[in-house]
Amino acid sequence: MYDQTKKSSYVHNIRKFMSLKNDAVVRTMSVLEFDFCFHLEYNPGVQSFISQPESLYYTFNGRNCRYTPDFLVTGVNRRSSLIEVKHSSQILKPYFRSRFAKKREVANEQYGLELRLITEKQIRINPILNNLKLLHRYSGLHTVTEAEKLVLNFIQRKKKVQLREVSGALGLCEHETLISSLCWLASGNINTDMKNSDFGLDNYVWC
């Protein structure tokens, strides 16, 4: 199959997402798809995801058509689904809705896969998207600092603690506390609520 993500064009805005979950670079066809990758990367229910998977074929208005979904997502339950990412302004058009209904029908009946539609209203939700982007910045392999070790040990002893308390107890500045915590959050050693507030010293973390 021709890989549309190999190079940019006037039509597509190619982005490269560095995914530790997939141990690969995920190329996306738009900035909105790129933003969706942050949700997939840090969703504990998602085992893996790929962009522009194999095409499926369907008939619409008497014509044979090829359709390549934006993502194939595999959950930790081993079940897979297809994802189409579109701006909400496009999905209300009658032509799109009737054509998408046919794609969904074929995906289910011939390929045994659910085809889901995701819009910017589900992707560009803040503070969660900003927090996920911040988390992604500190993911990956790096040398563990003494401050990071202290932060993790303190959180493990407390089980659940506010980062402001961590900062005060260890004598660390706000920046050092947050950076150390983000590294452990990115690796999955600790957890926090990314949905309801911008990440900061007021956050509680737990393990």
C-alpha atoms as a PDB file:
ATOM      1  CA  MET A   1       0.000   0.000   0.000  1.00  0.00           C
ATOM      2  CA  TYR A   2       1.266   3.517  -0.785  1.00  0.00           C
ATOM      3  CA  ASP A   3       2.320   5.322   2.414  1.00  0.00           C
ATOM      4  CA  GLN A   4       0.838   8.820   2.298  1.00  0.00           C
ATOM      5  CA  THR A   5       2.770   9.924   5.370  1.00  0.00           C
ATOM      6  CA  LYS A   6       6.241   9.751   3.797  1.00  0.00           C
ATOM      7  CA  LYS A   7       6.327  13.392   2.762  1.00  0.00           C
ATOM      8  CA  SER A   8       4.363  16.607   3.188  1.00  0.00           C
ATOM      9  CA  SER A   9       2.184  18.045   0.461  1.00  0.00           C
ATOM     10  CA  TYR A  10      -0.117  20.956  -0.188  1.00  0.00           C
ATOM     11  CA  VAL A  11      -2.983  18.801   1.039  1.00  0.00           C
ATOM     12  CA  HIS A  12      -1.457  17.073   4.071  1.00  0.00           C
ATOM     13  CA  ASN A  13       0.472  18.452   7.024  1.00  0.00           C
ATOM     14  CA  ILE A  14       2.724  15.544   7.976  1.00  0.00           C
ATOM     15  CA  ARG A  15       3.813  15.300  11.628  1.00  0.00           C
ATOM     16  CA  LYS A  16       6.024  12.756  13.382  1.00  0.00           C
ATOM     17  CA  PHE A  17       5.050  11.556  16.857  1.00  0.00           C
ATOM     18  CA  MET A  18       7.751   9.776  18.874  1.00  0.00           C
ATOM     19  CA  SER A  19       5.933   6.894  20.571  1.00  0.00           C
ATOM     20  CA  LEU A  20       7.539   4.900  23.374  1.00  0.00           C
ATOM     21  CA  LYS A  21       4.426   2.740  23.553  1.00  0.00           C
ATOM     22  CA  ASN A  22       4.965   1.587  19.962  1.00  0.00           C
ATOM     23  CA  ASP A  23       8.752   1.952  20.038  1.00  0.00           C
ATOM     24  CA  ALA A  24       8.383   3.734  16.716  1.00  0.00           C
ATOM     25  CA  VAL A  25       7.732   7.046  14.999  1.00  0.00           C
ATOM     26  CA  VAL A  26       4.042   7.488  14.183  1.00  0.00           C
ATOM     27  CA  ARG A  27       3.505   9.692  11.123  1.00  0.00           C
ATOM     28  CA  THR A  28       0.221  11.566  10.986  1.00  0.00           C
ATOM     29  CA  MET A  29      -1.550  13.356   8.149  1.00  0.00           C
ATOM     30  CA  SER A  30      -2.661  16.419  10.128  1.00  0.00           C
ATOM     31  CA  VAL A  31      -1.981  18.402  13.297  1.00  0.00           C
ATOM     32  CA  LEU A  32      -5.292  17.168  14.746  1.00  0.00           C
ATOM     33  CA  GLU A  33      -4.223  13.540  14.256  1.00  0.00           C
ATOM     34  CA  PHE A  34      -0.875  14.421  15.848  1.00  0.00           C
ATOM     35  CA  ASP A  35      -2.671  15.799  18.915  1.00  0.00           C
ATOM     36  CA  PHE A  36      -4.751  12.621  19.138  1.00  0.00           C
ATOM     37  CA  CYS A  37      -1.530  10.616  19.477  1.00  0.00           C
ATOM     38  CA  PHE A  38      -0.947  12.118  22.926  1.00  0.00           C
ATOM     39  CA  HIS A  39      -4.251  10.639  24.123  1.00  0.00           C
ATOM     40  CA  LEU A  40      -3.434   7.241  22.632  1.00  0.00           C
ATOM     41  CA  GLU A  41       0.110   7.228  24.034  1.00  0.00           C
ATOM     42  CA  TYR A  42      -1.006   7.792  27.629  1.00  0.00           C
ATOM     43  CA  ASN A  43      -4.309   5.912  27.624  1.00  0.00           C
ATOM     44  CA  PRO A  44      -3.700   2.833  29.822  1.00  0.00           C
ATOM     45  CA  GLY A  45      -6.384   0.952  27.888  1.00  0.00           C
ATOM     46  CA  VAL A  46      -4.429   1.248  24.628  1.00  0.00           C
ATOM     47  CA  GLN A  47      -1.713  -1.318  23.991  1.00  0.00           C
ATOM     48  CA  SER A  48      -0.544   0.008  20.607  1.00  0.00           C
ATOM     49  CA  PHE A  49      -1.579   2.181  17.676  1.00  0.00           C
ATOM     50  CA  ILE A  50      -0.490   2.758  14.099  1.00  0.00           C
ATOM     51  CA  SER A  51      -1.398   5.462  11.617  1.00  0.00           C
ATOM     52  CA  GLN A  52      -2.627   4.897   8.059  1.00  0.00           C
ATOM     53  CA  PRO A  53      -3.168   1.125   8.400  1.00  0.00           C
ATOM     54  CA  GLU A  54      -4.185  -1.163   5.541  1.00  0.00           C
ATOM     55  CA  SER A  55      -6.956   0.190   3.324  1.00  0.00           C
ATOM     56  CA  LEU A  56     -10.430  -1.276   3.159  1.00  0.00           C
ATOM     57  CA  TYR A  57     -12.615  -1.346   0.062  1.00  0.00           C
ATOM     58  CA  TYR A  58     -16.296  -0.527  -0.308  1.00  0.00           C
ATOM     59  CA  THR A  59     -18.913   0.417  -2.888  1.00  0.00           C
ATOM     60  CA  PHE A  60     -20.587   3.824  -2.740  1.00  0.00           C
ATOM     61  CA  ASN A  61     -23.034   5.246  -5.305  1.00  0.00           C
ATOM     62  CA  GLY A  62     -22.124   2.449  -7.674  1.00  0.00           C
ATOM     63  CA  ARG A  63     -18.386   3.124  -7.503  1.00  0.00           C
ATOM     64  CA  ASN A  64     -15.609   0.982  -6.015  1.00  0.00           C
ATOM     65  CA  CYS A  65     -13.753   3.036  -3.431  1.00  0.00           C
ATOM     66  CA  ARG A  66     -10.656   2.643  -1.269  1.00  0.00           C
ATOM     67  CA  TYR A  67     -10.545   4.018   2.259  1.00  0.00           C
ATOM     68  CA  THR A  68      -7.536   4.256   4.601  1.00  0.00           C
ATOM     69  CA  PRO A  69      -8.469   4.959   8.235  1.00  0.00           C
ATOM     70  CA  ASP A  70      -6.367   7.378  10.252  1.00  0.00           C
ATOM     71  CA  PHE A  71      -5.506   4.871  13.006  1.00  0.00           C
ATOM     72  CA  LEU A  72      -5.699   1.225  13.950  1.00  0.00           C
ATOM     73  CA  VAL A  73      -5.830   1.015  17.749  1.00  0.00           C
ATOM     74  CA  THR A  74      -5.313  -2.191  19.725  1.00  0.00           C
ATOM     75  CA  GLY A  75      -6.463  -2.277  23.322  1.00  0.00           C
ATOM     76  CA  VAL A  76      -4.942  -4.133  26.241  1.00  0.00           C
ATOM     77  CA  ASN A  77      -7.900  -6.499  25.852  1.00  0.00           C
ATOM     78  CA  ARG A  78      -6.470  -7.383  22.399  1.00  0.00           C
ATOM     79  CA  ARG A  79      -9.508  -5.928  20.628  1.00  0.00           C
ATOM     80  CA  SER A  80      -8.786  -3.568  17.742  1.00  0.00           C
ATOM     81  CA  SER A  81     -10.740  -0.670  16.277  1.00  0.00           C
ATOM     82  CA  LEU A  82     -10.318   1.848  13.466  1.00  0.00           C
ATOM     83  CA  ILE A  83     -10.333   5.594  14.053  1.00  0.00           C
ATOM     84  CA  GLU A  84     -11.246   8.418  11.686  1.00  0.00           C
ATOM     85  CA  VAL A  85     -10.168  11.887  12.899  1.00  0.00           C
ATOM     86  CA  LYS A  86     -12.143  14.803  11.483  1.00  0.00           C
ATOM     87  CA  HIS A  87     -12.920  18.383  12.377  1.00  0.00           C
ATOM     88  CA  SER A  88     -16.485  18.754  13.656  1.00  0.00           C
ATOM     89  CA  SER A  89     -17.288  21.242  10.880  1.00  0.00           C
ATOM     90  CA  GLN A  90     -16.940  18.439   8.342  1.00  0.00           C
ATOM     91  CA  ILE A  91     -19.004  15.694   9.932  1.00  0.00           C
ATOM     92  CA  LEU A  92     -22.407  17.364   9.548  1.00  0.00           C
ATOM     93  CA  LYS A  93     -22.261  17.363   5.758  1.00  0.00           C
ATOM     94  CA  PRO A  94     -24.822  14.847   4.362  1.00  0.00           C
ATOM     95  CA  TYR A  95     -22.331  13.459   1.827  1.00  0.00           C
ATOM     96  CA  PHE A  96     -19.755  12.753   4.540  1.00  0.00           C
ATOM     97  CA  ARG A  97     -22.314  11.170   6.866  1.00  0.00           C
ATOM     98  CA  SER A  98     -23.725   8.796   4.258  1.00  0.00           C
ATOM     99  CA  ARG A  99     -20.270   7.829   3.032  1.00  0.00           C
ATOM    100  CA  PHE A 100     -18.938   7.306   6.568  1.00  0.00           C
ATOM    101  CA  ALA A 101     -21.946   5.118   7.399  1.00  0.00           C
ATOM    102  CA  LYS A 102     -21.010   2.874   4.467  1.00  0.00           C
ATOM    103  CA  LYS A 103     -17.370   2.721   5.592  1.00  0.00           C
ATOM    104  CA  ARG A 104     -18.458   1.782   9.108  1.00  0.00           C
ATOM    105  CA  GLU A 105     -20.766  -0.928   7.786  1.00  0.00           C
ATOM    106  CA  VAL A 106     -18.017  -2.469   5.638  1.00  0.00           C
ATOM    107  CA  ALA A 107     -15.425  -2.253   8.409  1.00  0.00           C
ATOM    108  CA  ASN A 108     -17.739  -4.144  10.733  1.00  0.00           C
ATOM    109  CA  GLU A 109     -19.197  -6.730   8.361  1.00  0.00           C
ATOM    110  CA  GLN A 110     -16.169  -7.519   6.191  1.00  0.00           C
ATOM    111  CA  TYR A 111     -13.229  -6.780   8.478  1.00  0.00           C
ATOM    112  CA  GLY A 112     -14.750  -7.340  11.925  1.00  0.00           C
ATOM    113  CA  LEU A 113     -13.606  -3.928  13.155  1.00  0.00           C
ATOM    114  CA  GLU A 114     -15.461  -1.030  14.737  1.00  0.00           C
ATOM    115  CA  LEU A 115     -14.883   2.297  12.953  1.00  0.00           C
ATOM    116  CA  ARG A 116     -15.088   5.262  15.323  1.00  0.00           C
ATOM    117  CA  LEU A 117     -15.230   8.969  14.531  1.00  0.00           C
ATOM    118  CA  ILE A 118     -13.194  11.354  16.724  1.00  0.00           C
ATOM    119  CA  THR A 119     -13.287  15.177  16.475  1.00  0.00           C
ATOM    120  CA  GLU A 120     -11.327  18.054  17.969  1.00  0.00           C
ATOM    121  CA  LYS A 121     -14.016  18.326  20.654  1.00  0.00           C
ATOM    122  CA  GLN A 122     -12.726  15.031  22.077  1.00  0.00           C
ATOM    123  CA  ILE A 123      -9.054  15.711  21.370  1.00  0.00           C
ATOM    124  CA  ARG A 124      -8.357  19.343  22.167  1.00  0.00           C
ATOM    125  CA  ILE A 125      -9.641  19.270  25.713  1.00  0.00           C
ATOM    126  CA  ASN A 126      -7.615  21.245  28.207  1.00  0.00           C
ATOM    127  CA  PRO A 127      -5.976  21.070  30.631  1.00  0.00           C
ATOM    128  CA  ILE A 128      -5.565  17.382  29.736  1.00  0.00           C
ATOM    129  CA  LEU A 129      -4.001  17.859  26.262  1.00  0.00           C
ATOM    130  CA  ASN A 130      -1.509  20.441  27.550  1.00  0.00           C
ATOM    131  CA  ASN A 131      -0.647  18.134  30.453  1.00  0.00           C
ATOM    132  CA  LEU A 132      -0.110  15.171  28.134  1.00  0.00           C
ATOM    133  CA  LYS A 133       2.174  17.247  25.912  1.00  0.00           C
ATOM    134  CA  LEU A 134       4.142  18.329  28.977  1.00  0.00           C
ATOM    135  CA  LEU A 135       4.377  14.712  30.103  1.00  0.00           C
ATOM    136  CA  HIS A 136       5.571  13.625  26.663  1.00  0.00           C
ATOM    137  CA  ARG A 137       8.386  16.159  26.770  1.00  0.00           C
ATOM    138  CA  TYR A 138       9.962  14.319  29.697  1.00  0.00           C
ATOM    139  CA  SER A 139       9.390  10.759  28.530  1.00  0.00           C
ATOM    140  CA  GLY A 140      12.160   8.559  27.206  1.00  0.00           C
ATOM    141  CA  LEU A 141      15.524   7.325  28.354  1.00  0.00           C
ATOM    142  CA  HIS A 142      17.635   9.660  30.486  1.00  0.00           C
ATOM    143  CA  THR A 143      20.018   9.546  33.431  1.00  0.00           C
ATOM    144  CA  VAL A 144      18.121   9.418  36.720  1.00  0.00           C
ATOM    145  CA  THR A 145      19.194  12.302  38.962  1.00  0.00           C
ATOM    146  CA  GLU A 146      19.520  12.253  42.733  1.00  0.00           C
ATOM    147  CA  ALA A 147      16.564  14.632  42.985  1.00  0.00           C
ATOM    148  CA  GLU A 148      14.392  12.237  40.967  1.00  0.00           C
ATOM    149  CA  LYS A 149      15.383   9.330  43.226  1.00  0.00           C
ATOM    150  CA  LEU A 150      14.499  11.364  46.317  1.00  0.00           C
ATOM    151  CA  VAL A 151      11.135  12.373  44.876  1.00  0.00           C
ATOM    152  CA  LEU A 152      10.180   8.811  43.944  1.00  0.00           C
ATOM    153  CA  ASN A 153      11.258   7.392  47.327  1.00  0.00           C
ATOM    154  CA  PHE A 154       9.270  10.068  49.168  1.00  0.00           C
ATOM    155  CA  ILE A 155       6.120   9.422  47.119  1.00  0.00           C
ATOM    156  CA  GLN A 156       6.472   5.664  47.575  1.00  0.00           C
ATOM    157  CA  ARG A 157       6.663   6.101  51.352  1.00  0.00           C
ATOM    158  CA  LYS A 158       3.660   8.422  51.441  1.00  0.00           C
ATOM    159  CA  LYS A 159       1.591   6.422  48.894  1.00  0.00           C
ATOM    160  CA  LYS A 160      -0.342   9.604  48.048  1.00  0.00           C
ATOM    161  CA  VAL A 161       0.966  13.123  48.560  1.00  0.00           C
ATOM    162  CA  GLN A 162       0.659  16.664  47.218  1.00  0.00           C
ATOM    163  CA  LEU A 163       3.685  17.833  45.264  1.00  0.00           C
ATOM    164  CA  ARG A 164       3.832  20.987  47.375  1.00  0.00           C
ATOM    165  CA  GLU A 165       4.545  18.762  50.369  1.00  0.00           C
ATOM    166  CA  VAL A 166       7.195  16.879  48.389  1.00  0.00           C
ATOM    167  CA  SER A 167       8.891  20.160  47.505  1.00  0.00           C
ATOM    168  CA  GLY A 168       8.886  21.402  51.092  1.00  0.00           C
ATOM    169  CA  ALA A 169       9.976  18.144  52.695  1.00  0.00           C
ATOM    170  CA  LEU A 170      12.910  17.609  50.310  1.00  0.00           C
ATOM    171  CA  GLY A 171      13.932  21.260  50.027  1.00  0.00           C
ATOM    172  CA  LEU A 172      13.515  21.245  46.241  1.00  0.00           C
ATOM    173  CA  CYS A 173      12.434  24.244  44.176  1.00  0.00           C
ATOM    174  CA  GLU A 174       9.162  24.091  42.237  1.00  0.00           C
ATOM    175  CA  HIS A 175      10.874  23.474  38.889  1.00  0.00           C
ATOM    176  CA  GLU A 176      13.006  20.607  40.211  1.00  0.00           C
ATOM    177  CA  THR A 177      10.018  18.975  41.912  1.00  0.00           C
ATOM    178  CA  LEU A 178       7.826  19.164  38.827  1.00  0.00           C
ATOM    179  CA  ILE A 179      10.510  17.947  36.412  1.00  0.00           C
ATOM    180  CA  SER A 180      11.377  15.012  38.680  1.00  0.00           C
ATOM    181  CA  SER A 181       7.707  14.079  39.008  1.00  0.00           C
ATOM    182  CA  LEU A 182       7.064  14.321  35.262  1.00  0.00           C
ATOM    183  CA  CYS A 183       9.861  11.837  34.568  1.00  0.00           C
ATOM    184  CA  TRP A 184       8.274   9.274  36.921  1.00  0.00           C
ATOM    185  CA  LEU A 185       4.794   9.998  35.568  1.00  0.00           C
ATOM    186  CA  ALA A 186       6.025   9.420  32.020  1.00  0.00           C
ATOM    187  CA  SER A 187       7.542   6.066  33.012  1.00  0.00           C
ATOM    188  CA  GLY A 188       4.356   4.982  34.815  1.00  0.00           C
ATOM    189  CA  ASN A 189       5.967   4.738  38.264  1.00  0.00           C
ATOM    190  CA  ILE A 190       3.541   7.269  39.728  1.00  0.00           C
ATOM    191  CA  ASN A 191       0.119   8.633  38.748  1.00  0.00           C
ATOM    192  CA  THR A 192      -1.789  11.902  38.946  1.00  0.00           C
ATOM    193  CA  ASP A 193      -4.984  13.552  37.699  1.00  0.00           C
ATOM    194  CA  MET A 194      -4.231  15.085  34.317  1.00  0.00           C
ATOM    195  CA  LYS A 195      -7.824  16.013  33.495  1.00  0.00           C
ATOM    196  CA  ASN A 196      -8.960  18.682  35.913  1.00  0.00           C
ATOM    197  CA  SER A 197      -6.114  21.195  36.334  1.00  0.00           C
ATOM    198  CA  ASP A 198      -2.819  22.316  34.859  1.00  0.00           C
ATOM    199  CA  PHE A 199       0.025  20.246  36.267  1.00  0.00           C
ATOM    200  CA  GLY A 200       1.718  21.965  39.212  1.00  0.00           C
ATOM    201  CA  LEU A 201       2.559  21.752  42.900  1.00  0.00           C
ATOM    202  CA  ASP A 202      -1.138  21.544  43.820  1.00  0.00           C
ATOM    203  CA  ASN A 203      -1.363  18.123  42.129  1.00  0.00           C
ATOM    204  CA  TYR A 204      -1.565  15.000  44.222  1.00  0.00           C
ATOM    205  CA  VAL A 205       0.526  12.045  43.045  1.00  0.00           C
ATOM    206  CA  TRP A 206       0.311   8.420  44.085  1.00  0.00           C
ATOM    207  CA  CYS A 207       1.760   5.004  43.404  1.00  0.00           C
END
